[in-house]
Amino acid sequence: MMNEPFLIPIVFEEVTYEFKARFERWGYSHRIAVLIDEITYNFEPDEEGGYRALVNPESPVPLLNIKLLRAISEKLIALNN
């Protein structure tokens, strides 16, 4: 994986988006920070080989469409293969 910022293209509900992202080392693993509407969401590898979004339940940000987070997760899996 690269350490510099990159773009993640996503087609979601027939609209194409490009989200800014960056790879971050996290202990023995990593996270991918994705900027969505000026808010950074962290995706980390899960036990099944996918990615899960870490969302702070105490954060006052509006709840994102869970399907969009899933689409980003699927794209990260595809980029990793």
C-alpha atoms as a PDB file:
ATOM      1  CA  MET A   1       0.000   0.000   0.000  1.00  0.00           C
ATOM      2  CA  MET A   2       1.067   3.557  -0.538  1.00  0.00           C
ATOM      3  CA  ASN A   3       1.605   6.177   2.174  1.00  0.00           C
ATOM      4  CA  GLU A   4       0.505   9.199   0.174  1.00  0.00           C
ATOM      5  CA  PRO A   5      -3.068  10.448  -0.312  1.00  0.00           C
ATOM      6  CA  PHE A   6      -5.112   8.856  -3.085  1.00  0.00           C
ATOM      7  CA  LEU A   7      -8.637   9.018  -4.513  1.00  0.00           C
ATOM      8  CA  ILE A   8     -11.253   6.301  -4.213  1.00  0.00           C
ATOM      9  CA  PRO A   9     -13.758   6.402  -7.098  1.00  0.00           C
ATOM     10  CA  ILE A  10     -17.203   5.090  -6.142  1.00  0.00           C
ATOM     11  CA  VAL A  11     -20.364   4.771  -8.219  1.00  0.00           C
ATOM     12  CA  PHE A  12     -23.222   4.955  -5.741  1.00  0.00           C
ATOM     13  CA  GLU A  13     -26.888   5.248  -6.691  1.00  0.00           C
ATOM     14  CA  GLU A  14     -25.889   6.103 -10.274  1.00  0.00           C
ATOM     15  CA  VAL A  15     -23.654   9.009  -9.166  1.00  0.00           C
ATOM     16  CA  THR A  16     -19.849   8.898  -9.394  1.00  0.00           C
ATOM     17  CA  TYR A  17     -17.925  10.180  -6.380  1.00  0.00           C
ATOM     18  CA  GLU A  18     -14.218  10.523  -5.678  1.00  0.00           C
ATOM     19  CA  PHE A  19     -13.308  10.439  -1.999  1.00  0.00           C
ATOM     20  CA  LYS A  20      -9.896  11.529  -0.725  1.00  0.00           C
ATOM     21  CA  ALA A  21      -8.188   8.827   1.318  1.00  0.00           C
ATOM     22  CA  ARG A  22      -4.899   8.062   3.019  1.00  0.00           C
ATOM     23  CA  PHE A  23      -3.244   4.911   4.271  1.00  0.00           C
ATOM     24  CA  GLU A  24      -2.222   4.960   7.953  1.00  0.00           C
ATOM     25  CA  ARG A  25      -0.161   2.397   9.847  1.00  0.00           C
ATOM     26  CA  TRP A  26      -1.955   1.399  13.052  1.00  0.00           C
ATOM     27  CA  GLY A  27       0.099  -0.842  15.306  1.00  0.00           C
ATOM     28  CA  TYR A  28       0.636  -4.116  13.457  1.00  0.00           C
ATOM     29  CA  SER A  29      -2.207  -3.335  11.090  1.00  0.00           C
ATOM     30  CA  HIS A  30      -3.461  -0.328   9.155  1.00  0.00           C
ATOM     31  CA  ARG A  31      -6.415   1.967   8.656  1.00  0.00           C
ATOM     32  CA  ILE A  32      -7.591   3.881   5.651  1.00  0.00           C
ATOM     33  CA  ALA A  33      -8.907   7.350   6.447  1.00  0.00           C
ATOM     34  CA  VAL A  34     -11.595   8.446   3.958  1.00  0.00           C
ATOM     35  CA  LEU A  35     -12.867  12.022   3.775  1.00  0.00           C
ATOM     36  CA  ILE A  36     -16.640  12.151   3.210  1.00  0.00           C
ATOM     37  CA  ASP A  37     -18.378  15.544   3.336  1.00  0.00           C
ATOM     38  CA  GLU A  38     -15.506  17.109   5.330  1.00  0.00           C
ATOM     39  CA  ILE A  39     -15.614  14.294   7.928  1.00  0.00           C
ATOM     40  CA  THR A  40     -12.937  11.601   8.157  1.00  0.00           C
ATOM     41  CA  TYR A  41     -14.119   8.004   8.519  1.00  0.00           C
ATOM     42  CA  ASN A  42     -11.597   5.310   9.356  1.00  0.00           C
ATOM     43  CA  PHE A  43     -11.828   1.890   7.745  1.00  0.00           C
ATOM     44  CA  GLU A  44      -9.888  -0.983   9.277  1.00  0.00           C
ATOM     45  CA  PRO A  45      -9.460  -4.612   8.209  1.00  0.00           C
ATOM     46  CA  ASP A  46     -11.860  -7.058   9.817  1.00  0.00           C
ATOM     47  CA  GLU A  47     -11.516 -10.770  10.580  1.00  0.00           C
ATOM     48  CA  GLU A  48     -13.172 -11.842   7.314  1.00  0.00           C
ATOM     49  CA  GLY A  49     -10.721  -9.968   5.076  1.00  0.00           C
ATOM     50  CA  GLY A  50     -13.006  -6.995   4.481  1.00  0.00           C
ATOM     51  CA  TYR A  51     -13.042  -3.493   5.890  1.00  0.00           C
ATOM     52  CA  ARG A  52     -15.300  -2.029   8.556  1.00  0.00           C
ATOM     53  CA  ALA A  53     -16.007   1.651   9.099  1.00  0.00           C
ATOM     54  CA  LEU A  54     -15.301   3.023  12.544  1.00  0.00           C
ATOM     55  CA  VAL A  55     -17.968   5.556  13.465  1.00  0.00           C
ATOM     56  CA  ASN A  56     -17.902   7.393  16.782  1.00  0.00           C
ATOM     57  CA  PRO A  57     -21.440   7.061  18.272  1.00  0.00           C
ATOM     58  CA  GLU A  58     -20.896  10.239  20.310  1.00  0.00           C
ATOM     59  CA  SER A  59     -19.959  12.311  17.287  1.00  0.00           C
ATOM     60  CA  PRO A  60     -22.459  15.049  16.400  1.00  0.00           C
ATOM     61  CA  VAL A  61     -22.079  14.376  12.674  1.00  0.00           C
ATOM     62  CA  PRO A  62     -25.080  13.330  10.606  1.00  0.00           C
ATOM     63  CA  LEU A  63     -25.472   9.602  10.115  1.00  0.00           C
ATOM     64  CA  LEU A  64     -24.196   8.571   6.712  1.00  0.00           C
ATOM     65  CA  ASN A  65     -25.999   6.192   4.456  1.00  0.00           C
ATOM     66  CA  ILE A  66     -24.791   2.770   5.607  1.00  0.00           C
ATOM     67  CA  LYS A  67     -24.960   1.583   1.999  1.00  0.00           C
ATOM     68  CA  LEU A  68     -22.404   4.225   1.013  1.00  0.00           C
ATOM     69  CA  LEU A  69     -20.030   3.058   3.753  1.00  0.00           C
ATOM     70  CA  ARG A  70     -20.512  -0.522   2.537  1.00  0.00           C
ATOM     71  CA  ALA A  71     -19.756   0.538  -1.071  1.00  0.00           C
ATOM     72  CA  ILE A  72     -16.528   2.204   0.082  1.00  0.00           C
ATOM     73  CA  SER A  73     -15.605  -0.905   2.063  1.00  0.00           C
ATOM     74  CA  GLU A  74     -16.160  -3.101  -1.000  1.00  0.00           C
ATOM     75  CA  LYS A  75     -14.014  -0.774  -3.113  1.00  0.00           C
ATOM     76  CA  LEU A  76     -11.199  -0.972  -0.527  1.00  0.00           C
ATOM     77  CA  ILE A  77     -11.356  -4.775  -0.702  1.00  0.00           C
ATOM     78  CA  ALA A  78     -11.106  -4.622  -4.501  1.00  0.00           C
ATOM     79  CA  LEU A  79      -8.144  -2.223  -4.334  1.00  0.00           C
ATOM     80  CA  ASN A  80      -6.382  -4.546  -1.892  1.00  0.00           C
ATOM     81  CA  ASN A  81      -6.668  -7.591  -4.181  1.00  0.00           C
END
